[in-house]
Amino acid sequence: MNDIPQITAQELRLRLETGENLILIDVREDEEVALGMIPGAQHIPMGEIPQRTEDIPADAEVIFICRSGARSQRVCEYLQQFGYNTATNLSGGMIEWNETLED
């Protein structure tokens, strides 16, 4: 299996600030996303990913988000088995994202 592409919260923030049109999927549970999501992110809970692969473009970079980066890493690994080679993990997840807000 190939290494999963990673993006840091700071890199993601810069790309969003420059107006890049990115596909973001938050795989956290409902109660977690209720506390806040990255603007523009789509919510697909991790447990629904296998049934909702048609909602995920296989030919574009898709950045997956969770609380710490662990669940989204597993989602990327799962999708890579089905040819989603540009599935990218937000390393550090929302914890890191929220820390970059304070900078």
PDB file of N, CA and C in Angstrom:
ATOM      1  N   MET A   1       0.848  -1.187   0.000  1.00  0.00           N
ATOM      2  CA  MET A   1       0.000   0.000   0.000  1.00  0.00           C
ATOM      3  C   MET A   1       0.888   1.243   0.000  1.00  0.00           C
ATOM      4  N   ASN A   2       0.471   2.225  -0.752  1.00  0.00           N
ATOM      5  CA  ASN A   2       1.231   3.468  -0.832  1.00  0.00           C
ATOM      6  C   ASN A   2       1.058   4.294   0.437  1.00  0.00           C
ATOM      7  N   ASP A   3       2.015   5.198   0.648  1.00  0.00           N
ATOM      8  CA  ASP A   3       1.862   6.136   1.749  1.00  0.00           C
ATOM      9  C   ASP A   3       0.687   7.057   1.454  1.00  0.00           C
ATOM     10  N   ILE A   4      -0.026   7.416   2.490  1.00  0.00           N
ATOM     11  CA  ILE A   4      -1.177   8.314   2.347  1.00  0.00           C
ATOM     12  C   ILE A   4      -0.665   9.755   2.295  1.00  0.00           C
ATOM     13  N   PRO A   5      -1.085  10.526   1.289  1.00  0.00           N
ATOM     14  CA  PRO A   5      -0.699  11.938   1.266  1.00  0.00           C
ATOM     15  C   PRO A   5      -1.225  12.648   2.518  1.00  0.00           C
ATOM     16  N   GLN A   6      -0.421  13.547   3.050  1.00  0.00           N
ATOM     17  CA  GLN A   6      -0.782  14.298   4.252  1.00  0.00           C
ATOM     18  C   GLN A   6      -0.768  15.789   3.938  1.00  0.00           C
ATOM     19  N   ILE A   7      -1.625  16.539   4.642  1.00  0.00           N
ATOM     20  CA  ILE A   7      -1.607  17.989   4.567  1.00  0.00           C
ATOM     21  C   ILE A   7      -1.710  18.503   5.998  1.00  0.00           C
ATOM     22  N   THR A   8      -0.946  19.531   6.307  1.00  0.00           N
ATOM     23  CA  THR A   8      -1.027  20.116   7.643  1.00  0.00           C
ATOM     24  C   THR A   8      -2.163  21.132   7.671  1.00  0.00           C
ATOM     25  N   ALA A   9      -2.612  21.463   8.865  1.00  0.00           N
ATOM     26  CA  ALA A   9      -3.667  22.464   9.016  1.00  0.00           C
ATOM     27  C   ALA A   9      -3.221  23.798   8.433  1.00  0.00           C
ATOM     28  N   GLN A  10      -1.966  24.142   8.629  1.00  0.00           N
ATOM     29  CA  GLN A  10      -1.456  25.412   8.106  1.00  0.00           C
ATOM     30  C   GLN A  10      -1.455  25.419   6.572  1.00  0.00           C
ATOM     31  N   GLU A  11      -1.025  24.309   5.963  1.00  0.00           N
ATOM     32  CA  GLU A  11      -1.047  24.208   4.499  1.00  0.00           C
ATOM     33  C   GLU A  11      -2.478  24.301   3.971  1.00  0.00           C
ATOM     34  N   LEU A  12      -3.400  23.611   4.637  1.00  0.00           N
ATOM     35  CA  LEU A  12      -4.800  23.640   4.218  1.00  0.00           C
ATOM     36  C   LEU A  12      -5.366  25.051   4.336  1.00  0.00           C
ATOM     37  N   ARG A  13      -5.088  25.707   5.442  1.00  0.00           N
ATOM     38  CA  ARG A  13      -5.589  27.062   5.652  1.00  0.00           C
ATOM     39  C   ARG A  13      -5.079  27.998   4.540  1.00  0.00           C
ATOM     40  N   LEU A  14      -3.801  27.885   4.188  1.00  0.00           N
ATOM     41  CA  LEU A  14      -3.237  28.728   3.127  1.00  0.00           C
ATOM     42  C   LEU A  14      -3.916  28.464   1.792  1.00  0.00           C
ATOM     43  N   ARG A  15      -4.137  27.201   1.485  1.00  0.00           N
ATOM     44  CA  ARG A  15      -4.793  26.848   0.215  1.00  0.00           C
ATOM     45  C   ARG A  15      -6.224  27.382   0.169  1.00  0.00           C
ATOM     46  N   LEU A  16      -6.935  27.317   1.283  1.00  0.00           N
ATOM     47  CA  LEU A  16      -8.302  27.842   1.333  1.00  0.00           C
ATOM     48  C   LEU A  16      -8.299  29.367   1.230  1.00  0.00           C
ATOM     49  N   GLU A  17      -7.336  30.010   1.889  1.00  0.00           N
ATOM     50  CA  GLU A  17      -7.256  31.473   1.864  1.00  0.00           C
ATOM     51  C   GLU A  17      -6.941  32.012   0.471  1.00  0.00           C
ATOM     52  N   THR A  18      -6.233  31.227  -0.333  1.00  0.00           N
ATOM     53  CA  THR A  18      -5.931  31.673  -1.700  1.00  0.00           C
ATOM     54  C   THR A  18      -7.094  31.389  -2.645  1.00  0.00           C
ATOM     55  N   GLY A  19      -8.180  30.845  -2.118  1.00  0.00           N
ATOM     56  CA  GLY A  19      -9.367  30.627  -2.920  1.00  0.00           C
ATOM     57  C   GLY A  19      -9.395  29.317  -3.672  1.00  0.00           C
ATOM     58  N   GLU A  20      -8.469  28.421  -3.337  1.00  0.00           N
ATOM     59  CA  GLU A  20      -8.453  27.121  -4.012  1.00  0.00           C
ATOM     60  C   GLU A  20      -9.751  26.371  -3.685  1.00  0.00           C
ATOM     61  N   ASN A  21     -10.351  25.790  -4.702  1.00  0.00           N
ATOM     62  CA  ASN A  21     -11.597  25.058  -4.521  1.00  0.00           C
ATOM     63  C   ASN A  21     -11.258  23.616  -4.145  1.00  0.00           C
ATOM     64  N   LEU A  22     -11.342  23.299  -2.864  1.00  0.00           N
ATOM     65  CA  LEU A  22     -10.937  21.991  -2.368  1.00  0.00           C
ATOM     66  C   LEU A  22     -12.147  21.165  -1.963  1.00  0.00           C
ATOM     67  N   ILE A  23     -12.001  19.853  -2.064  1.00  0.00           N
ATOM     68  CA  ILE A  23     -13.040  18.936  -1.608  1.00  0.00           C
ATOM     69  C   ILE A  23     -12.619  18.448  -0.222  1.00  0.00           C
ATOM     70  N   LEU A  24     -13.420  18.804   0.764  1.00  0.00           N
ATOM     71  CA  LEU A  24     -13.143  18.447   2.154  1.00  0.00           C
ATOM     72  C   LEU A  24     -14.268  17.559   2.662  1.00  0.00           C
ATOM     73  N   ILE A  25     -13.913  16.450   3.298  1.00  0.00           N
ATOM     74  CA  ILE A  25     -14.918  15.555   3.885  1.00  0.00           C
ATOM     75  C   ILE A  25     -14.550  15.307   5.339  1.00  0.00           C
ATOM     76  N   ASP A  26     -15.462  15.680   6.215  1.00  0.00           N
ATOM     77  CA  ASP A  26     -15.293  15.493   7.653  1.00  0.00           C
ATOM     78  C   ASP A  26     -15.936  14.160   8.025  1.00  0.00           C
ATOM     79  N   VAL A  27     -15.151  13.241   8.593  1.00  0.00           N
ATOM     80  CA  VAL A  27     -15.644  11.892   8.891  1.00  0.00           C
ATOM     81  C   VAL A  27     -16.009  11.709  10.368  1.00  0.00           C
ATOM     82  N   ARG A  28     -16.065  12.804  11.115  1.00  0.00           N
ATOM     83  CA  ARG A  28     -16.417  12.701  12.534  1.00  0.00           C
ATOM     84  C   ARG A  28     -17.909  12.413  12.708  1.00  0.00           C
ATOM     85  N   GLU A  29     -18.284  12.090  13.930  1.00  0.00           N
ATOM     86  CA  GLU A  29     -19.680  11.796  14.252  1.00  0.00           C
ATOM     87  C   GLU A  29     -20.487  13.093  14.358  1.00  0.00           C
ATOM     88  N   ASP A  30     -21.812  12.960  14.293  1.00  0.00           N
ATOM     89  CA  ASP A  30     -22.709  14.118  14.309  1.00  0.00           C
ATOM     90  C   ASP A  30     -22.432  15.060  15.474  1.00  0.00           C
ATOM     91  N   GLU A  31     -22.265  14.499  16.664  1.00  0.00           N
ATOM     92  CA  GLU A  31     -22.064  15.351  17.842  1.00  0.00           C
ATOM     93  C   GLU A  31     -20.729  16.092  17.788  1.00  0.00           C
ATOM     94  N   GLU A  32     -19.754  15.535  17.081  1.00  0.00           N
ATOM     95  CA  GLU A  32     -18.463  16.216  16.942  1.00  0.00           C
ATOM     96  C   GLU A  32     -18.551  17.378  15.956  1.00  0.00           C
ATOM     97  N   VAL A  33     -19.196  17.156  14.808  1.00  0.00           N
ATOM     98  CA  VAL A  33     -19.296  18.234  13.813  1.00  0.00           C
ATOM     99  C   VAL A  33     -20.213  19.346  14.306  1.00  0.00           C
ATOM    100  N   ALA A  34     -21.106  19.039  15.250  1.00  0.00           N
ATOM    101  CA  ALA A  34     -21.970  20.074  15.817  1.00  0.00           C
ATOM    102  C   ALA A  34     -21.139  21.140  16.529  1.00  0.00           C
ATOM    103  N   LEU A  35     -19.927  20.788  16.938  1.00  0.00           N
ATOM    104  CA  LEU A  35     -19.043  21.736  17.622  1.00  0.00           C
ATOM    105  C   LEU A  35     -18.276  22.611  16.645  1.00  0.00           C
ATOM    106  N   GLY A  36     -18.393  22.323  15.354  1.00  0.00           N
ATOM    107  CA  GLY A  36     -17.737  23.153  14.352  1.00  0.00           C
ATOM    108  C   GLY A  36     -17.035  22.336  13.301  1.00  0.00           C
ATOM    109  N   MET A  37     -17.103  22.847  12.070  1.00  0.00           N
ATOM    110  CA  MET A  37     -16.451  22.204  10.926  1.00  0.00           C
ATOM    111  C   MET A  37     -15.649  23.251  10.166  1.00  0.00           C
ATOM    112  N   ILE A  38     -14.734  22.798   9.353  1.00  0.00           N
ATOM    113  CA  ILE A  38     -14.020  23.691   8.448  1.00  0.00           C
ATOM    114  C   ILE A  38     -15.027  24.165   7.402  1.00  0.00           C
ATOM    115  N   PRO A  39     -15.123  25.469   7.166  1.00  0.00           N
ATOM    116  CA  PRO A  39     -16.096  25.972   6.188  1.00  0.00           C
ATOM    117  C   PRO A  39     -15.936  25.287   4.826  1.00  0.00           C
ATOM    118  N   GLY A  40     -17.062  24.850   4.284  1.00  0.00           N
ATOM    119  CA  GLY A  40     -17.063  24.198   2.978  1.00  0.00           C
ATOM    120  C   GLY A  40     -16.928  22.690   3.033  1.00  0.00           C
ATOM    121  N   ALA A  41     -16.658  22.135   4.209  1.00  0.00           N
ATOM    122  CA  ALA A  41     -16.502  20.678   4.326  1.00  0.00           C
ATOM    123  C   ALA A  41     -17.856  19.992   4.248  1.00  0.00           C
ATOM    124  N   GLN A  42     -17.837  18.812   3.657  1.00  0.00           N
ATOM    125  CA  GLN A  42     -19.020  17.945   3.595  1.00  0.00           C
ATOM    126  C   GLN A  42     -18.904  16.952   4.745  1.00  0.00           C
ATOM    127  N   HIS A  43     -20.029  16.567   5.341  1.00  0.00           N
ATOM    128  CA  HIS A  43     -19.998  15.625   6.459  1.00  0.00           C
ATOM    129  C   HIS A  43     -20.444  14.240   5.991  1.00  0.00           C
ATOM    130  N   ILE A  44     -19.524  13.286   6.068  1.00  0.00           N
ATOM    131  CA  ILE A  44     -19.853  11.873   5.849  1.00  0.00           C
ATOM    132  C   ILE A  44     -19.207  11.104   7.013  1.00  0.00           C
ATOM    133  N   PRO A  45     -20.002  10.686   8.010  1.00  0.00           N
ATOM    134  CA  PRO A  45     -19.407   9.950   9.133  1.00  0.00           C
ATOM    135  C   PRO A  45     -18.617   8.732   8.647  1.00  0.00           C
ATOM    136  N   MET A  46     -17.553   8.434   9.361  1.00  0.00           N
ATOM    137  CA  MET A  46     -16.655   7.346   8.975  1.00  0.00           C
ATOM    138  C   MET A  46     -17.407   6.044   8.686  1.00  0.00           C
ATOM    139  N   GLY A  47     -18.393   5.715   9.505  1.00  0.00           N
ATOM    140  CA  GLY A  47     -19.138   4.471   9.336  1.00  0.00           C
ATOM    141  C   GLY A  47     -19.964   4.417   8.061  1.00  0.00           C
ATOM    142  N   GLU A  48     -20.224   5.574   7.443  1.00  0.00           N
ATOM    143  CA  GLU A  48     -21.016   5.622   6.219  1.00  0.00           C
ATOM    144  C   GLU A  48     -20.165   5.621   4.949  1.00  0.00           C
ATOM    145  N   ILE A  49     -18.856   5.739   5.096  1.00  0.00           N
ATOM    146  CA  ILE A  49     -17.971   5.825   3.920  1.00  0.00           C
ATOM    147  C   ILE A  49     -18.172   4.648   2.954  1.00  0.00           C
ATOM    148  N   PRO A  50     -18.205   3.384   3.423  1.00  0.00           N
ATOM    149  CA  PRO A  50     -18.351   2.273   2.468  1.00  0.00           C
ATOM    150  C   PRO A  50     -19.622   2.355   1.615  1.00  0.00           C
ATOM    151  N   GLN A  51     -20.706   2.888   2.178  1.00  0.00           N
ATOM    152  CA  GLN A  51     -21.965   2.987   1.431  1.00  0.00           C
ATOM    153  C   GLN A  51     -22.050   4.269   0.596  1.00  0.00           C
ATOM    154  N   ARG A  52     -21.124   5.201   0.816  1.00  0.00           N
ATOM    155  CA  ARG A  52     -21.246   6.503   0.153  1.00  0.00           C
ATOM    156  C   ARG A  52     -20.051   6.834  -0.741  1.00  0.00           C
ATOM    157  N   THR A  53     -19.360   5.808  -1.213  1.00  0.00           N
ATOM    158  CA  THR A  53     -18.201   6.081  -2.068  1.00  0.00           C
ATOM    159  C   THR A  53     -18.591   6.818  -3.339  1.00  0.00           C
ATOM    160  N   GLU A  54     -19.852   6.678  -3.785  1.00  0.00           N
ATOM    161  CA  GLU A  54     -20.278   7.400  -4.989  1.00  0.00           C
ATOM    162  C   GLU A  54     -20.297   8.911  -4.746  1.00  0.00           C
ATOM    163  N   ASP A  55     -20.318   9.335  -3.488  1.00  0.00           N
ATOM    164  CA  ASP A  55     -20.283  10.761  -3.145  1.00  0.00           C
ATOM    165  C   ASP A  55     -18.860  11.312  -3.090  1.00  0.00           C
ATOM    166  N   ILE A  56     -17.873  10.442  -3.292  1.00  0.00           N
ATOM    167  CA  ILE A  56     -16.470  10.837  -3.166  1.00  0.00           C
ATOM    168  C   ILE A  56     -15.792  10.718  -4.527  1.00  0.00           C
ATOM    169  N   PRO A  57     -15.343  11.831  -5.111  1.00  0.00           N
ATOM    170  CA  PRO A  57     -14.686  11.750  -6.422  1.00  0.00           C
ATOM    171  C   PRO A  57     -13.373  10.962  -6.335  1.00  0.00           C
ATOM    172  N   ALA A  58     -13.200  10.018  -7.242  1.00  0.00           N
ATOM    173  CA  ALA A  58     -11.983   9.201  -7.254  1.00  0.00           C
ATOM    174  C   ALA A  58     -10.866   9.859  -8.050  1.00  0.00           C
ATOM    175  N   ASP A  59     -11.214  10.872  -8.838  1.00  0.00           N
ATOM    176  CA  ASP A  59     -10.234  11.473  -9.744  1.00  0.00           C
ATOM    177  C   ASP A  59      -9.788  12.864  -9.301  1.00  0.00           C
ATOM    178  N   ALA A  60     -10.060  13.218  -8.038  1.00  0.00           N
ATOM    179  CA  ALA A  60      -9.669  14.535  -7.533  1.00  0.00           C
ATOM    180  C   ALA A  60      -9.096  14.381  -6.131  1.00  0.00           C
ATOM    181  N   GLU A  61      -8.285  15.342  -5.735  1.00  0.00           N
ATOM    182  CA  GLU A  61      -7.790  15.329  -4.366  1.00  0.00           C
ATOM    183  C   GLU A  61      -8.965  15.581  -3.424  1.00  0.00           C
ATOM    184  N   VAL A  62      -9.113  14.700  -2.455  1.00  0.00           N
ATOM    185  CA  VAL A  62     -10.148  14.852  -1.434  1.00  0.00           C
ATOM    186  C   VAL A  62      -9.421  14.824  -0.094  1.00  0.00           C
ATOM    187  N   ILE A  63      -9.664  15.843   0.724  1.00  0.00           N
ATOM    188  CA  ILE A  63      -9.005  15.943   2.019  1.00  0.00           C
ATOM    189  C   ILE A  63      -9.983  15.479   3.090  1.00  0.00           C
ATOM    190  N   PHE A  64      -9.558  14.477   3.845  1.00  0.00           N
ATOM    191  CA  PHE A  64     -10.394  13.894   4.891  1.00  0.00           C
ATOM    192  C   PHE A  64      -9.975  14.437   6.246  1.00  0.00           C
ATOM    193  N   ILE A  65     -10.994  14.698   7.075  1.00  0.00           N
ATOM    194  CA  ILE A  65     -10.803  15.397   8.341  1.00  0.00           C
ATOM    195  C   ILE A  65     -11.465  14.606   9.461  1.00  0.00           C
ATOM    196  N   CYS A  66     -10.793  14.521  10.611  1.00  0.00           N
ATOM    197  CA  CYS A  66     -11.421  14.006  11.829  1.00  0.00           C
ATOM    198  C   CYS A  66     -10.878  14.820  13.002  1.00  0.00           C
ATOM    199  N   ARG A  67     -11.032  14.328  14.200  1.00  0.00           N
ATOM    200  CA  ARG A  67     -10.599  15.081  15.369  1.00  0.00           C
ATOM    201  C   ARG A  67      -9.079  15.184  15.455  1.00  0.00           C
ATOM    202  N   SER A  68      -8.384  14.056  15.311  1.00  0.00           N
ATOM    203  CA  SER A  68      -6.931  14.055  15.514  1.00  0.00           C
ATOM    204  C   SER A  68      -6.136  13.657  14.279  1.00  0.00           C
ATOM    205  N   GLY A  69      -6.813  13.159  13.249  1.00  0.00           N
ATOM    206  CA  GLY A  69      -6.121  12.682  12.051  1.00  0.00           C
ATOM    207  C   GLY A  69      -6.032  11.175  11.974  1.00  0.00           C
ATOM    208  N   ALA A  70      -6.433  10.464  13.023  1.00  0.00           N
ATOM    209  CA  ALA A  70      -6.319   9.002  13.034  1.00  0.00           C
ATOM    210  C   ALA A  70      -7.441   8.341  12.223  1.00  0.00           C
ATOM    211  N   ARG A  71      -8.692   8.722  12.480  1.00  0.00           N
ATOM    212  CA  ARG A  71      -9.805   8.123  11.733  1.00  0.00           C
ATOM    213  C   ARG A  71      -9.741   8.493  10.258  1.00  0.00           C
ATOM    214  N   SER A  72      -9.418   9.735   9.971  1.00  0.00           N
ATOM    215  CA  SER A  72      -9.340  10.150   8.568  1.00  0.00           C
ATOM    216  C   SER A  72      -8.201   9.423   7.856  1.00  0.00           C
ATOM    217  N   GLN A  73      -7.130   9.119   8.569  1.00  0.00           N
ATOM    218  CA  GLN A  73      -6.031   8.327   7.992  1.00  0.00           C
ATOM    219  C   GLN A  73      -6.554   6.943   7.617  1.00  0.00           C
ATOM    220  N   ARG A  74      -7.334   6.331   8.497  1.00  0.00           N
ATOM    221  CA  ARG A  74      -7.889   4.997   8.215  1.00  0.00           C
ATOM    222  C   ARG A  74      -8.853   5.049   7.031  1.00  0.00           C
ATOM    223  N   VAL A  75      -9.642   6.119   6.924  1.00  0.00           N
ATOM    224  CA  VAL A  75     -10.542   6.271   5.786  1.00  0.00           C
ATOM    225  C   VAL A  75      -9.732   6.353   4.493  1.00  0.00           C
ATOM    226  N   CYS A  76      -8.648   7.113   4.501  1.00  0.00           N
ATOM    227  CA  CYS A  76      -7.791   7.223   3.313  1.00  0.00           C
ATOM    228  C   CYS A  76      -7.204   5.867   2.944  1.00  0.00           C
ATOM    229  N   GLU A  77      -6.746   5.122   3.936  1.00  0.00           N
ATOM    230  CA  GLU A  77      -6.189   3.789   3.684  1.00  0.00           C
ATOM    231  C   GLU A  77      -7.251   2.868   3.089  1.00  0.00           C
ATOM    232  N   TYR A  78      -8.466   2.930   3.622  1.00  0.00           N
ATOM    233  CA  TYR A  78      -9.567   2.118   3.111  1.00  0.00           C
ATOM    234  C   TYR A  78      -9.853   2.473   1.648  1.00  0.00           C
ATOM    235  N   LEU A  79     -10.004   3.762   1.362  1.00  0.00           N
ATOM    236  CA  LEU A  79     -10.345   4.196   0.013  1.00  0.00           C
ATOM    237  C   LEU A  79      -9.234   3.907  -0.984  1.00  0.00           C
ATOM    238  N   GLN A  80      -7.994   3.930  -0.536  1.00  0.00           N
ATOM    239  CA  GLN A  80      -6.874   3.664  -1.434  1.00  0.00           C
ATOM    240  C   GLN A  80      -6.968   2.266  -2.039  1.00  0.00           C
ATOM    241  N   GLN A  81      -7.556   1.342  -1.300  1.00  0.00           N
ATOM    242  CA  GLN A  81      -7.743  -0.021  -1.817  1.00  0.00           C
ATOM    243  C   GLN A  81      -8.635  -0.045  -3.053  1.00  0.00           C
ATOM    244  N   PHE A  82      -9.451   0.991  -3.215  1.00  0.00           N
ATOM    245  CA  PHE A  82     -10.398   1.067  -4.318  1.00  0.00           C
ATOM    246  C   PHE A  82      -9.990   2.108  -5.358  1.00  0.00           C
ATOM    247  N   GLY A  83      -8.722   2.489  -5.331  1.00  0.00           N
ATOM    248  CA  GLY A  83      -8.205   3.381  -6.358  1.00  0.00           C
ATOM    249  C   GLY A  83      -8.272   4.862  -6.047  1.00  0.00           C
ATOM    250  N   TYR A  84      -8.624   5.223  -4.835  1.00  0.00           N
ATOM    251  CA  TYR A  84      -8.659   6.636  -4.439  1.00  0.00           C
ATOM    252  C   TYR A  84      -7.251   7.048  -4.004  1.00  0.00           C
ATOM    253  N   ASN A  85      -6.364   7.197  -4.984  1.00  0.00           N
ATOM    254  CA  ASN A  85      -4.961   7.456  -4.665  1.00  0.00           C
ATOM    255  C   ASN A  85      -4.663   8.886  -4.277  1.00  0.00           C
ATOM    256  N   THR A  86      -5.642   9.783  -4.447  1.00  0.00           N
ATOM    257  CA  THR A  86      -5.424  11.169  -4.051  1.00  0.00           C
ATOM    258  C   THR A  86      -6.183  11.514  -2.771  1.00  0.00           C
ATOM    259  N   ALA A  87      -6.677  10.501  -2.057  1.00  0.00           N
ATOM    260  CA  ALA A  87      -7.284  10.739  -0.749  1.00  0.00           C
ATOM    261  C   ALA A  87      -6.183  11.240   0.181  1.00  0.00           C
ATOM    262  N   THR A  88      -6.388  12.412   0.760  1.00  0.00           N
ATOM    263  CA  THR A  88      -5.375  13.092   1.564  1.00  0.00           C
ATOM    264  C   THR A  88      -5.877  13.257   2.986  1.00  0.00           C
ATOM    265  N   ASN A  89      -4.991  13.038   3.943  1.00  0.00           N
ATOM    266  CA  ASN A  89      -5.339  13.121   5.359  1.00  0.00           C
ATOM    267  C   ASN A  89      -4.916  14.475   5.928  1.00  0.00           C
ATOM    268  N   LEU A  90      -5.827  15.119   6.676  1.00  0.00           N
ATOM    269  CA  LEU A  90      -5.457  16.321   7.426  1.00  0.00           C
ATOM    270  C   LEU A  90      -4.747  15.850   8.689  1.00  0.00           C
ATOM    271  N   SER A  91      -3.417  15.923   8.677  1.00  0.00           N
ATOM    272  CA  SER A  91      -2.645  15.445   9.827  1.00  0.00           C
ATOM    273  C   SER A  91      -2.909  16.364  11.014  1.00  0.00           C
ATOM    274  N   GLY A  92      -3.165  15.762  12.149  1.00  0.00           N
ATOM    275  CA  GLY A  92      -3.481  16.531  13.347  1.00  0.00           C
ATOM    276  C   GLY A  92      -4.949  16.892  13.465  1.00  0.00           C
ATOM    277  N   GLY A  93      -5.708  16.699  12.388  1.00  0.00           N
ATOM    278  CA  GLY A  93      -7.154  16.883  12.397  1.00  0.00           C
ATOM    279  C   GLY A  93      -7.612  18.238  12.900  1.00  0.00           C
ATOM    280  N   MET A  94      -8.808  18.245  13.463  1.00  0.00           N
ATOM    281  CA  MET A  94      -9.422  19.476  13.957  1.00  0.00           C
ATOM    282  C   MET A  94      -8.672  20.035  15.164  1.00  0.00           C
ATOM    283  N   ILE A  95      -7.983  19.185  15.895  1.00  0.00           N
ATOM    284  CA  ILE A  95      -7.175  19.682  17.015  1.00  0.00           C
ATOM    285  C   ILE A  95      -6.137  20.657  16.464  1.00  0.00           C
ATOM    286  N   GLU A  96      -5.423  20.218  15.448  1.00  0.00           N
ATOM    287  CA  GLU A  96      -4.394  21.065  14.832  1.00  0.00           C
ATOM    288  C   GLU A  96      -5.031  22.279  14.136  1.00  0.00           C
ATOM    289  N   TRP A  97      -6.155  22.074  13.456  1.00  0.00           N
ATOM    290  CA  TRP A  97      -6.842  23.174  12.767  1.00  0.00           C
ATOM    291  C   TRP A  97      -7.198  24.284  13.758  1.00  0.00           C
ATOM    292  N   ASN A  98      -7.776  23.894  14.889  1.00  0.00           N
ATOM    293  CA  ASN A  98      -8.182  24.884  15.887  1.00  0.00           C
ATOM    294  C   ASN A  98      -6.987  25.577  16.522  1.00  0.00           C
ATOM    295  N   GLU A  99      -5.859  24.877  16.636  1.00  0.00           N
ATOM    296  CA  GLU A  99      -4.649  25.507  17.173  1.00  0.00           C
ATOM    297  C   GLU A  99      -4.115  26.555  16.207  1.00  0.00           C
ATOM    298  N   THR A 100      -4.250  26.319  14.896  1.00  0.00           N
ATOM    299  CA  THR A 100      -3.747  27.309  13.927  1.00  0.00           C
ATOM    300  C   THR A 100      -4.636  28.541  13.908  1.00  0.00           C
ATOM    301  N   LEU A 101      -5.871  28.441  14.381  1.00  0.00           N
ATOM    302  CA  LEU A 101      -6.745  29.620  14.490  1.00  0.00           C
ATOM    303  C   LEU A 101      -6.196  30.620  15.486  1.00  0.00           C
ATOM    304  N   GLU A 102      -5.488  30.100  16.484  1.00  0.00           N
ATOM    305  CA  GLU A 102      -4.980  30.952  17.572  1.00  0.00           C
ATOM    306  C   GLU A 102      -3.686  31.643  17.195  1.00  0.00           C
ATOM    307  N   ASP A 103      -3.049  31.224  16.108  1.00  0.00           N
ATOM    308  CA  ASP A 103      -1.767  31.830  15.709  1.00  0.00           C
ATOM    309  C   ASP A 103      -1.964  33.224  15.145  1.00  0.00           C
TER     310      ASP A 103
END
